[in-house]
Amino acid sequence: MPAPHCLLPVKVIPHAPSNAVAGWHGDALKVKVHAPALEGRANEELCGFLADRLRLARRAVSVAQGLKSPRKLIRISGLTLAEAIARLGA
């Protein structure tokens, strides 16, 4: 049986004072990241931050859609959407 995975819609706020989950923005989870939206640094920091919060390996979290957009779909391997939302405390 394959491991579960899900797609989490995210609205990213780069250049924030610190990394934080900031609640919901419509149907997307709002996440603040300290890194600027420059050369993929905000995407890297977003994926690393979410992996830490989800207690998953960094490779289990990736940007599936929206590499250059503030609205992204994040692919999470190893969890269902309900499990991911519960772990994020959202």
C-alpha atoms as a PDB file:
ATOM      1  CA  MET A   1       0.000   0.000   0.000  1.00  0.00           C
ATOM      2  CA  PRO A   2       1.509   3.389  -0.969  1.00  0.00           C
ATOM      3  CA  ALA A   3       2.174   6.007   1.683  1.00  0.00           C
ATOM      4  CA  PRO A   4      -0.475   8.740   1.963  1.00  0.00           C
ATOM      5  CA  HIS A   5       0.178  12.178   0.557  1.00  0.00           C
ATOM      6  CA  CYS A   6      -1.765  15.403   0.231  1.00  0.00           C
ATOM      7  CA  LEU A   7      -1.731  18.846  -1.339  1.00  0.00           C
ATOM      8  CA  LEU A   8      -1.989  21.774   1.061  1.00  0.00           C
ATOM      9  CA  PRO A   9      -2.897  25.215  -0.350  1.00  0.00           C
ATOM     10  CA  VAL A  10      -0.633  27.864   1.193  1.00  0.00           C
ATOM     11  CA  LYS A  11      -0.411  31.665   1.028  1.00  0.00           C
ATOM     12  CA  VAL A  12       3.186  32.661   1.758  1.00  0.00           C
ATOM     13  CA  ILE A  13       4.213  35.951   3.324  1.00  0.00           C
ATOM     14  CA  PRO A  14       7.987  36.356   2.740  1.00  0.00           C
ATOM     15  CA  HIS A  15      10.324  38.688   4.633  1.00  0.00           C
ATOM     16  CA  ALA A  16       8.462  38.254   7.932  1.00  0.00           C
ATOM     17  CA  PRO A  17      10.237  38.822  11.275  1.00  0.00           C
ATOM     18  CA  SER A  18      10.060  35.067  11.962  1.00  0.00           C
ATOM     19  CA  ASN A  19       8.592  31.840  10.584  1.00  0.00           C
ATOM     20  CA  ALA A  20       5.028  31.201  11.739  1.00  0.00           C
ATOM     21  CA  VAL A  21       1.718  29.649  10.800  1.00  0.00           C
ATOM     22  CA  ALA A  22      -0.649  32.629  10.756  1.00  0.00           C
ATOM     23  CA  GLY A  23      -4.060  31.020  10.349  1.00  0.00           C
ATOM     24  CA  TRP A  24      -6.232  30.714   7.267  1.00  0.00           C
ATOM     25  CA  HIS A  25      -6.558  33.062   4.302  1.00  0.00           C
ATOM     26  CA  GLY A  26      -9.707  31.797   2.588  1.00  0.00           C
ATOM     27  CA  ASP A  27      -9.018  28.159   1.715  1.00  0.00           C
ATOM     28  CA  ALA A  28      -5.222  28.527   2.049  1.00  0.00           C
ATOM     29  CA  LEU A  29      -3.058  28.268   5.148  1.00  0.00           C
ATOM     30  CA  LYS A  30      -1.172  31.542   5.668  1.00  0.00           C
ATOM     31  CA  VAL A  31       2.499  30.957   6.501  1.00  0.00           C
ATOM     32  CA  LYS A  32       5.035  33.688   7.258  1.00  0.00           C
ATOM     33  CA  VAL A  33       8.688  32.998   6.421  1.00  0.00           C
ATOM     34  CA  HIS A  34      11.729  35.064   7.312  1.00  0.00           C
ATOM     35  CA  ALA A  35      13.493  34.524   3.966  1.00  0.00           C
ATOM     36  CA  PRO A  36      12.945  36.950   1.078  1.00  0.00           C
ATOM     37  CA  ALA A  37      11.187  35.877  -2.119  1.00  0.00           C
ATOM     38  CA  LEU A  38      14.500  35.817  -3.968  1.00  0.00           C
ATOM     39  CA  GLU A  39      16.146  32.940  -5.841  1.00  0.00           C
ATOM     40  CA  GLY A  40      13.830  30.359  -4.269  1.00  0.00           C
ATOM     41  CA  ARG A  41      14.957  31.092  -0.706  1.00  0.00           C
ATOM     42  CA  ALA A  42      11.407  31.636   0.598  1.00  0.00           C
ATOM     43  CA  ASN A  43      10.301  28.329  -0.972  1.00  0.00           C
ATOM     44  CA  GLU A  44      13.219  26.479   0.654  1.00  0.00           C
ATOM     45  CA  GLU A  45      12.544  28.033   4.042  1.00  0.00           C
ATOM     46  CA  LEU A  46       8.795  27.362   3.710  1.00  0.00           C
ATOM     47  CA  CYS A  47       9.333  23.663   2.968  1.00  0.00           C
ATOM     48  CA  GLY A  48      11.893  23.278   5.754  1.00  0.00           C
ATOM     49  CA  PHE A  49       9.675  25.075   8.267  1.00  0.00           C
ATOM     50  CA  LEU A  50       6.619  22.988   7.357  1.00  0.00           C
ATOM     51  CA  ALA A  51       8.648  19.756   7.492  1.00  0.00           C
ATOM     52  CA  ASP A  52       9.838  20.649  11.013  1.00  0.00           C
ATOM     53  CA  ARG A  53       6.310  21.528  12.169  1.00  0.00           C
ATOM     54  CA  LEU A  54       4.915  18.332  10.603  1.00  0.00           C
ATOM     55  CA  ARG A  55       7.724  16.216  12.124  1.00  0.00           C
ATOM     56  CA  LEU A  56       8.675  14.891   8.676  1.00  0.00           C
ATOM     57  CA  ALA A  57      11.912  14.648   6.734  1.00  0.00           C
ATOM     58  CA  ARG A  58      12.628  17.742   4.625  1.00  0.00           C
ATOM     59  CA  ARG A  59      12.328  15.671   1.425  1.00  0.00           C
ATOM     60  CA  ALA A  60       8.676  14.858   2.304  1.00  0.00           C
ATOM     61  CA  VAL A  61       7.595  18.484   1.707  1.00  0.00           C
ATOM     62  CA  SER A  62       7.849  20.187  -1.693  1.00  0.00           C
ATOM     63  CA  VAL A  63       6.247  22.895  -3.797  1.00  0.00           C
ATOM     64  CA  ALA A  64       3.946  21.162  -6.297  1.00  0.00           C
ATOM     65  CA  GLN A  65       2.590  24.337  -7.886  1.00  0.00           C
ATOM     66  CA  GLY A  66       3.271  28.086  -7.659  1.00  0.00           C
ATOM     67  CA  LEU A  67       7.068  28.296  -7.432  1.00  0.00           C
ATOM     68  CA  LYS A  68       7.024  32.050  -8.170  1.00  0.00           C
ATOM     69  CA  SER A  69       3.631  32.880  -6.692  1.00  0.00           C
ATOM     70  CA  PRO A  70       2.591  33.700  -3.113  1.00  0.00           C
ATOM     71  CA  ARG A  71      -0.208  31.103  -3.483  1.00  0.00           C
ATOM     72  CA  LYS A  72       1.246  27.610  -3.622  1.00  0.00           C
ATOM     73  CA  LEU A  73       0.239  23.989  -3.451  1.00  0.00           C
ATOM     74  CA  ILE A  74       2.537  22.133  -1.083  1.00  0.00           C
ATOM     75  CA  ARG A  75       2.899  18.369  -1.571  1.00  0.00           C
ATOM     76  CA  ILE A  76       3.251  16.520   1.734  1.00  0.00           C
ATOM     77  CA  SER A  77       4.251  12.861   1.602  1.00  0.00           C
ATOM     78  CA  GLY A  78       3.411  10.580   4.496  1.00  0.00           C
ATOM     79  CA  LEU A  79       0.327  12.354   5.860  1.00  0.00           C
ATOM     80  CA  THR A  80      -3.278  12.896   4.903  1.00  0.00           C
ATOM     81  CA  LEU A  81      -4.549  16.479   4.690  1.00  0.00           C
ATOM     82  CA  ALA A  82      -6.414  16.080   7.995  1.00  0.00           C
ATOM     83  CA  GLU A  83      -3.253  14.817   9.723  1.00  0.00           C
ATOM     84  CA  ALA A  84      -1.173  17.667   8.290  1.00  0.00           C
ATOM     85  CA  ILE A  85      -3.675  20.319   9.416  1.00  0.00           C
ATOM     86  CA  ALA A  86      -3.845  18.778  12.892  1.00  0.00           C
ATOM     87  CA  ARG A  87      -0.041  18.731  13.244  1.00  0.00           C
ATOM     88  CA  LEU A  88       0.223  22.316  12.073  1.00  0.00           C
ATOM     89  CA  GLY A  89      -2.342  23.336  14.674  1.00  0.00           C
ATOM     90  CA  ALA A  90      -4.269  25.192  12.011  1.00  0.00           C
END
